[in-house]
C-alpha atoms as a PDB file:
ATOM      1  CA  UNK A   1     -11.632 -69.006 -45.795  1.00  0.00           C
ATOM      2  CA  UNK A   2     -11.812 -66.489 -42.854  1.00  0.00           C
ATOM      3  CA  UNK A   3     -14.641 -67.158 -40.292  1.00  0.00           C
ATOM      4  CA  UNK A   4     -16.442 -64.180 -38.864  1.00  0.00           C
ATOM      5  CA  UNK A   5     -14.872 -64.695 -35.377  1.00  0.00           C
ATOM      6  CA  UNK A   6     -11.418 -65.757 -36.596  1.00  0.00           C
ATOM      7  CA  UNK A   7      -9.823 -62.724 -34.877  1.00  0.00           C
ATOM      8  CA  UNK A   8     -11.446 -63.616 -31.524  1.00  0.00           C
ATOM      9  CA  UNK A   9     -10.573 -67.397 -31.892  1.00  0.00           C
ATOM     10  CA  UNK A  10      -6.855 -66.585 -32.554  1.00  0.00           C
ATOM     11  CA  UNK A  11      -6.369 -64.994 -29.095  1.00  0.00           C
ATOM     12  CA  UNK A  12      -5.214 -67.109 -26.048  1.00  0.00           C
ATOM     13  CA  UNK A  13      -7.874 -69.429 -24.583  1.00  0.00           C
ATOM     14  CA  UNK A  14      -7.790 -67.725 -21.169  1.00  0.00           C
ATOM     15  CA  UNK A  15      -8.475 -64.300 -22.832  1.00  0.00           C
ATOM     16  CA  UNK A  16     -11.342 -65.758 -24.892  1.00  0.00           C
ATOM     17  CA  UNK A  17     -12.711 -67.225 -21.618  1.00  0.00           C
ATOM     18  CA  UNK A  18     -12.402 -63.877 -19.782  1.00  0.00           C
ATOM     19  CA  UNK A  19     -14.154 -61.982 -22.416  1.00  0.00           C
ATOM     20  CA  UNK A  20     -16.961 -64.785 -22.777  1.00  0.00           C
ATOM     21  CA  UNK A  21     -17.506 -64.668 -19.085  1.00  0.00           C
ATOM     22  CA  UNK A  22     -18.062 -60.968 -19.180  1.00  0.00           C
ATOM     23  CA  UNK A  23     -20.482 -61.220 -22.099  1.00  0.00           C
ATOM     24  CA  UNK A  24     -22.385 -64.093 -20.670  1.00  0.00           C
ATOM     25  CA  UNK A  25     -22.928 -62.192 -17.443  1.00  0.00           C
ATOM     26  CA  UNK A  26     -24.216 -59.151 -19.089  1.00  0.00           C
ATOM     27  CA  UNK A  27     -26.484 -60.651 -21.479  1.00  0.00           C
ATOM     28  CA  UNK A  28     -27.955 -63.029 -18.902  1.00  0.00           C
ATOM     29  CA  UNK A  29     -28.623 -60.219 -16.511  1.00  0.00           C
ATOM     30  CA  UNK A  30     -30.078 -57.697 -19.101  1.00  0.00           C
ATOM     31  CA  UNK A  31     -31.144 -59.494 -22.215  1.00  0.00           C
ATOM     32  CA  UNK A  32     -30.090 -58.517 -25.646  1.00  0.00           C
ATOM     33  CA  UNK A  33     -31.521 -54.975 -25.932  1.00  0.00           C
ATOM     34  CA  UNK A  34     -30.557 -53.727 -22.418  1.00  0.00           C
ATOM     35  CA  UNK A  35     -27.109 -55.230 -22.250  1.00  0.00           C
ATOM     36  CA  UNK A  36     -24.273 -52.720 -22.266  1.00  0.00           C
ATOM     37  CA  UNK A  37     -21.191 -53.260 -24.465  1.00  0.00           C
ATOM     38  CA  UNK A  38     -19.479 -50.648 -22.186  1.00  0.00           C
ATOM     39  CA  UNK A  39     -20.210 -52.802 -19.073  1.00  0.00           C
ATOM     40  CA  UNK A  40     -18.741 -55.983 -21.048  1.00  0.00           C
ATOM     41  CA  UNK A  41     -15.469 -54.193 -21.879  1.00  0.00           C
ATOM     42  CA  UNK A  42     -15.044 -52.942 -18.340  1.00  0.00           C
ATOM     43  CA  UNK A  43     -15.547 -56.378 -17.052  1.00  0.00           C
ATOM     44  CA  UNK A  44     -13.361 -57.986 -19.574  1.00  0.00           C
ATOM     45  CA  UNK A  45     -10.609 -55.319 -19.278  1.00  0.00           C
ATOM     46  CA  UNK A  46     -10.361 -54.576 -23.037  1.00  0.00           C
ATOM     47  CA  UNK A  47     -10.936 -51.498 -25.175  1.00  0.00           C
ATOM     48  CA  UNK A  48     -14.402 -51.176 -26.778  1.00  0.00           C
ATOM     49  CA  UNK A  49     -12.755 -51.073 -30.253  1.00  0.00           C
ATOM     50  CA  UNK A  50     -11.267 -54.459 -29.572  1.00  0.00           C
ATOM     51  CA  UNK A  51     -14.683 -55.997 -28.760  1.00  0.00           C
ATOM     52  CA  UNK A  52     -16.010 -54.800 -31.990  1.00  0.00           C
ATOM     53  CA  UNK A  53     -12.886 -55.834 -33.890  1.00  0.00           C
ATOM     54  CA  UNK A  54     -13.550 -59.445 -32.652  1.00  0.00           C
ATOM     55  CA  UNK A  55     -17.253 -59.597 -33.184  1.00  0.00           C
ATOM     56  CA  UNK A  56     -18.334 -56.781 -35.616  1.00  0.00           C
ATOM     57  CA  UNK A  57     -21.553 -55.783 -33.914  1.00  0.00           C
ATOM     58  CA  UNK A  58     -23.558 -56.158 -30.789  1.00  0.00           C
ATOM     59  CA  UNK A  59     -25.870 -58.686 -32.701  1.00  0.00           C
ATOM     60  CA  UNK A  60     -22.978 -60.773 -33.805  1.00  0.00           C
ATOM     61  CA  UNK A  61     -21.482 -60.725 -30.424  1.00  0.00           C
ATOM     62  CA  UNK A  62     -24.882 -61.868 -29.005  1.00  0.00           C
ATOM     63  CA  UNK A  63     -25.241 -64.611 -31.464  1.00  0.00           C
ATOM     64  CA  UNK A  64     -21.752 -65.896 -30.798  1.00  0.00           C
ATOM     65  CA  UNK A  65     -22.310 -66.086 -26.994  1.00  0.00           C
ATOM     66  CA  UNK A  66     -25.802 -67.748 -27.332  1.00  0.00           C
ATOM     67  CA  UNK A  67     -24.116 -70.369 -29.698  1.00  0.00           C
ATOM     68  CA  UNK A  68     -21.452 -70.840 -27.024  1.00  0.00           C
ATOM     69  CA  UNK A  69     -24.247 -71.576 -24.534  1.00  0.00           C
ATOM     70  CA  UNK A  70     -26.120 -73.785 -26.817  1.00  0.00           C
ATOM     71  CA  UNK A  71     -22.942 -75.894 -27.413  1.00  0.00           C
ATOM     72  CA  UNK A  72     -22.372 -76.239 -23.735  1.00  0.00           C
ATOM     73  CA  UNK A  73     -25.892 -77.320 -23.067  1.00  0.00           C
ATOM     74  CA  UNK A  74     -25.953 -79.609 -26.067  1.00  0.00           C
ATOM     75  CA  UNK A  75     -22.801 -81.207 -24.906  1.00  0.00           C
ATOM     76  CA  UNK A  76     -24.455 -81.940 -21.548  1.00  0.00           C
ATOM     77  CA  UNK A  77     -27.549 -83.432 -23.229  1.00  0.00           C
ATOM     78  CA  UNK A  78     -25.487 -85.479 -25.597  1.00  0.00           C
ATOM     79  CA  UNK A  79     -23.757 -87.297 -22.805  1.00  0.00           C
ATOM     80  CA  UNK A  80     -27.274 -88.775 -21.874  1.00  0.00           C
ATOM     81  CA  UNK A  81     -27.658 -90.497 -25.282  1.00  0.00           C
ATOM     82  CA  UNK A  82     -28.147 -94.239 -24.914  1.00  0.00           C
ATOM     83  CA  UNK A  83     -29.439 -94.000 -21.294  1.00  0.00           C
ATOM     84  CA  UNK A  84     -32.893 -92.524 -21.817  1.00  0.00           C
ATOM     85  CA  UNK A  85     -35.985 -94.421 -20.379  1.00  0.00           C
ATOM     86  CA  UNK A  86     -38.555 -95.642 -22.915  1.00  0.00           C
ATOM     87  CA  UNK A  87     -41.461 -94.229 -20.951  1.00  0.00           C
ATOM     88  CA  UNK A  88     -42.269 -90.578 -22.019  1.00  0.00           C
ATOM     89  CA  UNK A  89     -42.614 -89.257 -18.342  1.00  0.00           C
ATOM     90  CA  UNK A  90     -39.663 -90.997 -17.001  1.00  0.00           C
ATOM     91  CA  UNK A  91     -37.599 -89.701 -19.931  1.00  0.00           C
ATOM     92  CA  UNK A  92     -38.871 -86.120 -19.442  1.00  0.00           C
ATOM     93  CA  UNK A  93     -37.878 -86.369 -15.735  1.00  0.00           C
ATOM     94  CA  UNK A  94     -34.566 -87.717 -16.570  1.00  0.00           C
ATOM     95  CA  UNK A  95     -33.822 -84.836 -19.194  1.00  0.00           C
ATOM     96  CA  UNK A  96     -35.474 -82.296 -16.880  1.00  0.00           C
ATOM     97  CA  UNK A  97     -33.097 -83.100 -14.085  1.00  0.00           C
ATOM     98  CA  UNK A  98     -30.176 -82.729 -16.375  1.00  0.00           C
ATOM     99  CA  UNK A  99     -31.525 -79.321 -17.366  1.00  0.00           C
ATOM    100  CA  UNK A 100     -32.042 -78.185 -13.692  1.00  0.00           C
ATOM    101  CA  UNK A 101     -28.537 -79.461 -12.827  1.00  0.00           C
ATOM    102  CA  UNK A 102     -27.135 -77.445 -15.672  1.00  0.00           C
ATOM    103  CA  UNK A 103     -28.933 -74.369 -14.261  1.00  0.00           C
ATOM    104  CA  UNK A 104     -27.548 -75.092 -10.837  1.00  0.00           C
ATOM    105  CA  UNK A 105     -23.956 -75.474 -11.874  1.00  0.00           C
ATOM    106  CA  UNK A 106     -23.887 -72.672 -14.654  1.00  0.00           C
ATOM    107  CA  UNK A 107     -26.827 -70.320 -13.755  1.00  0.00           C
ATOM    108  CA  UNK A 108     -25.829 -67.374 -15.922  1.00  0.00           C
ATOM    109  CA  UNK A 109     -25.031 -69.491 -18.976  1.00  0.00           C
ATOM    110  CA  UNK A 110     -28.349 -71.287 -18.642  1.00  0.00           C
ATOM    111  CA  UNK A 111     -30.181 -68.081 -18.168  1.00  0.00           C
ATOM    112  CA  UNK A 112     -28.727 -66.643 -21.319  1.00  0.00           C
ATOM    113  CA  UNK A 113     -29.509 -69.873 -23.106  1.00  0.00           C
ATOM    114  CA  UNK A 114     -33.095 -70.051 -21.912  1.00  0.00           C
ATOM    115  CA  UNK A 115     -34.063 -66.379 -22.240  1.00  0.00           C
ATOM    116  CA  UNK A 116     -32.544 -65.967 -25.650  1.00  0.00           C
ATOM    117  CA  UNK A 117     -35.260 -68.142 -27.091  1.00  0.00           C
ATOM    118  CA  UNK A 118     -37.920 -67.040 -24.973  1.00  0.00           C
ATOM    119  CA  UNK A 119     -37.388 -63.283 -25.107  1.00  0.00           C
ATOM    120  CA  UNK A 120     -35.235 -62.696 -28.171  1.00  0.00           C
ATOM    121  CA  UNK A 121     -36.108 -59.540 -30.126  1.00  0.00           C
ATOM    122  CA  UNK A 122     -37.859 -60.204 -33.362  1.00  0.00           C
ATOM    123  CA  UNK A 123     -35.021 -58.804 -35.433  1.00  0.00           C
ATOM    124  CA  UNK A 124     -32.625 -61.619 -34.312  1.00  0.00           C
ATOM    125  CA  UNK A 125     -35.056 -64.569 -34.029  1.00  0.00           C
ATOM    126  CA  UNK A 126     -34.317 -65.798 -37.567  1.00  0.00           C
ATOM    127  CA  UNK A 127     -30.588 -65.785 -36.928  1.00  0.00           C
ATOM    128  CA  UNK A 128     -30.986 -67.565 -33.617  1.00  0.00           C
ATOM    129  CA  UNK A 129     -33.117 -70.277 -35.225  1.00  0.00           C
ATOM    130  CA  UNK A 130     -30.394 -70.707 -37.934  1.00  0.00           C
ATOM    131  CA  UNK A 131     -27.682 -71.078 -35.376  1.00  0.00           C
ATOM    132  CA  UNK A 132     -29.558 -73.384 -33.034  1.00  0.00           C
ATOM    133  CA  UNK A 133     -31.377 -75.414 -35.791  1.00  0.00           C
ATOM    134  CA  UNK A 134     -29.080 -78.421 -35.352  1.00  0.00           C
ATOM    135  CA  UNK A 135     -29.558 -78.516 -31.513  1.00  0.00           C
ATOM    136  CA  UNK A 136     -33.419 -78.173 -31.835  1.00  0.00           C
ATOM    137  CA  UNK A 137     -33.411 -81.216 -34.303  1.00  0.00           C
ATOM    138  CA  UNK A 138     -31.212 -83.313 -31.907  1.00  0.00           C
ATOM    139  CA  UNK A 139     -33.225 -82.294 -28.967  1.00  0.00           C
ATOM    140  CA  UNK A 140     -36.474 -83.405 -30.648  1.00  0.00           C
ATOM    141  CA  UNK A 141     -34.912 -86.686 -31.795  1.00  0.00           C
ATOM    142  CA  UNK A 142     -33.781 -87.226 -28.169  1.00  0.00           C
ATOM    143  CA  UNK A 143     -37.334 -86.924 -26.800  1.00  0.00           C
ATOM    144  CA  UNK A 144     -38.959 -89.212 -29.384  1.00  0.00           C
ATOM    145  CA  UNK A 145     -36.372 -91.851 -30.589  1.00  0.00           C
ATOM    146  CA  UNK A 146     -37.099 -95.233 -29.080  1.00  0.00           C
ATOM    147  CA  UNK A 147     -40.101 -93.869 -27.134  1.00  0.00           C
ATOM    148  CA  UNK A 148     -42.596 -96.497 -25.947  1.00  0.00           C
ATOM    149  CA  UNK A 149     -45.863 -95.485 -27.611  1.00  0.00           C
ATOM    150  CA  UNK A 150     -47.896 -98.535 -26.565  1.00  0.00           C
ATOM    151  CA  UNK A 151     -49.324 -96.874 -23.410  1.00  0.00           C
ATOM    152  CA  UNK A 152     -50.892 -93.883 -25.194  1.00  0.00           C
ATOM    153  CA  UNK A 153     -54.658 -93.775 -25.729  1.00  0.00           C
ATOM    154  CA  UNK A 154     -55.780 -94.170 -29.200  1.00  0.00           C
ATOM    155  CA  UNK A 155     -56.143 -90.842 -31.064  1.00  0.00           C
ATOM    156  CA  UNK A 156     -53.515 -89.035 -28.810  1.00  0.00           C
ATOM    157  CA  UNK A 157     -51.171 -87.111 -30.885  1.00  0.00           C
ATOM    158  CA  UNK A 158     -47.915 -87.896 -29.182  1.00  0.00           C
ATOM    159  CA  UNK A 159     -45.802 -84.965 -30.523  1.00  0.00           C
ATOM    160  CA  UNK A 160     -48.384 -82.469 -29.505  1.00  0.00           C
ATOM    161  CA  UNK A 161     -48.762 -84.087 -26.034  1.00  0.00           C
ATOM    162  CA  UNK A 162     -44.908 -83.787 -25.731  1.00  0.00           C
ATOM    163  CA  UNK A 163     -44.974 -80.031 -26.711  1.00  0.00           C
ATOM    164  CA  UNK A 164     -47.654 -79.405 -24.257  1.00  0.00           C
ATOM    165  CA  UNK A 165     -45.802 -81.064 -21.383  1.00  0.00           C
ATOM    166  CA  UNK A 166     -42.646 -79.198 -22.456  1.00  0.00           C
ATOM    167  CA  UNK A 167     -44.369 -75.829 -22.096  1.00  0.00           C
ATOM    168  CA  UNK A 168     -45.429 -76.843 -18.567  1.00  0.00           C
ATOM    169  CA  UNK A 169     -41.899 -77.748 -17.682  1.00  0.00           C
ATOM    170  CA  UNK A 170     -40.505 -74.536 -19.245  1.00  0.00           C
ATOM    171  CA  UNK A 171     -42.940 -72.525 -17.027  1.00  0.00           C
ATOM    172  CA  UNK A 172     -41.947 -74.602 -13.972  1.00  0.00           C
ATOM    173  CA  UNK A 173     -38.254 -74.043 -14.678  1.00  0.00           C
ATOM    174  CA  UNK A 174     -38.654 -70.305 -15.214  1.00  0.00           C
ATOM    175  CA  UNK A 175     -40.456 -69.774 -11.875  1.00  0.00           C
ATOM    176  CA  UNK A 176     -37.451 -71.242 -10.026  1.00  0.00           C
ATOM    177  CA  UNK A 177     -34.617 -69.933 -12.250  1.00  0.00           C
ATOM    178  CA  UNK A 178     -34.038 -66.765 -10.112  1.00  0.00           C
ATOM    179  CA  UNK A 179     -33.525 -68.920  -7.109  1.00  0.00           C
ATOM    180  CA  UNK A 180     -30.791 -71.035  -8.525  1.00  0.00           C
ATOM    181  CA  UNK A 181     -28.443 -68.145  -8.873  1.00  0.00           C
ATOM    182  CA  UNK A 182     -28.784 -67.242  -5.060  1.00  0.00           C
ATOM    183  CA  UNK A 183     -28.139 -70.744  -3.908  1.00  0.00           C
ATOM    184  CA  UNK A 184     -25.017 -72.771  -3.238  1.00  0.00           C
ATOM    185  CA  UNK A 185     -24.662 -75.897  -5.443  1.00  0.00           C
ATOM    186  CA  UNK A 186     -25.808 -78.215  -2.632  1.00  0.00           C
ATOM    187  CA  UNK A 187     -28.969 -75.973  -1.976  1.00  0.00           C
ATOM    188  CA  UNK A 188     -29.555 -75.964  -5.774  1.00  0.00           C
ATOM    189  CA  UNK A 189     -29.357 -79.773  -6.077  1.00  0.00           C
ATOM    190  CA  UNK A 190     -31.731 -80.105  -3.157  1.00  0.00           C
ATOM    191  CA  UNK A 191     -34.025 -77.840  -4.944  1.00  0.00           C
ATOM    192  CA  UNK A 192     -33.790 -79.997  -8.085  1.00  0.00           C
ATOM    193  CA  UNK A 193     -35.068 -82.929  -6.080  1.00  0.00           C
ATOM    194  CA  UNK A 194     -38.063 -81.015  -4.770  1.00  0.00           C
ATOM    195  CA  UNK A 195     -38.853 -79.822  -8.326  1.00  0.00           C
ATOM    196  CA  UNK A 196     -38.577 -83.230  -9.646  1.00  0.00           C
ATOM    197  CA  UNK A 197     -41.172 -84.464  -7.156  1.00  0.00           C
ATOM    198  CA  UNK A 198     -43.392 -81.576  -8.118  1.00  0.00           C
ATOM    199  CA  UNK A 199     -42.991 -82.644 -11.775  1.00  0.00           C
ATOM    200  CA  UNK A 200     -43.921 -86.291 -10.805  1.00  0.00           C
ATOM    201  CA  UNK A 201     -47.199 -84.977  -9.299  1.00  0.00           C
ATOM    202  CA  UNK A 202     -48.116 -82.992 -12.459  1.00  0.00           C
ATOM    203  CA  UNK A 203     -47.137 -85.888 -14.633  1.00  0.00           C
ATOM    204  CA  UNK A 204     -49.527 -88.278 -12.647  1.00  0.00           C
ATOM    205  CA  UNK A 205     -52.470 -85.988 -13.543  1.00  0.00           C
ATOM    206  CA  UNK A 206     -51.337 -85.851 -17.232  1.00  0.00           C
ATOM    207  CA  UNK A 207     -50.827 -89.510 -17.550  1.00  0.00           C
ATOM    208  CA  UNK A 208     -54.620 -90.068 -16.644  1.00  0.00           C
ATOM    209  CA  UNK A 209     -55.575 -88.119 -19.702  1.00  0.00           C
ATOM    210  CA  UNK A 210     -53.161 -89.606 -22.394  1.00  0.00           C
ATOM    211  CA  UNK A 211     -52.301 -93.081 -21.035  1.00  0.00           C
ATOM    212  CA  UNK A 212     -54.441 -96.152 -21.241  1.00  0.00           C
ATOM    213  CA  UNK A 213     -53.655 -97.086 -17.686  1.00  0.00           C
END
């Protein structure tokens, strides 16, 4: 059976990579609505008709590129399996550092991945959720599987607490995201360490409210 992107996936890998890089850069800079397919084809060095021959529409192109970003990020996270701390806050720090390092190493890909789920237009949100459903489930499992729940105060809804802390971490990451792109890898990794210490300070405050001691 022919897949929606079979024409694209038949071309040489180096051509796929060049086109994907142009797409990632444009969508990361401008988001879905403002991204220009004319800018993409200029950067990729292909006719506009070829782009739509490969992907059909701007929406399908965006979904493919986001799926590519999700896959790369999920690969990074999957490599952490089996090493996760049992304590919630140590686990969140561990996963957060991996996320920040991904932002340092591939800032445009990470910005695309992050903004796609924060700022996606309503008309493509359902399609995005369908494409990323497997990743979302795996991410939730990574956060909760084997977690030490013995330290939580009685009555604390652990999943809600995790969701609240993640919102805080997402906001913190978003405030630094623009800086990563302007930094060298060494500067970015140094910033990751500073952000980690900032997270620890916030976590100490939160722990007082949800841990027994």
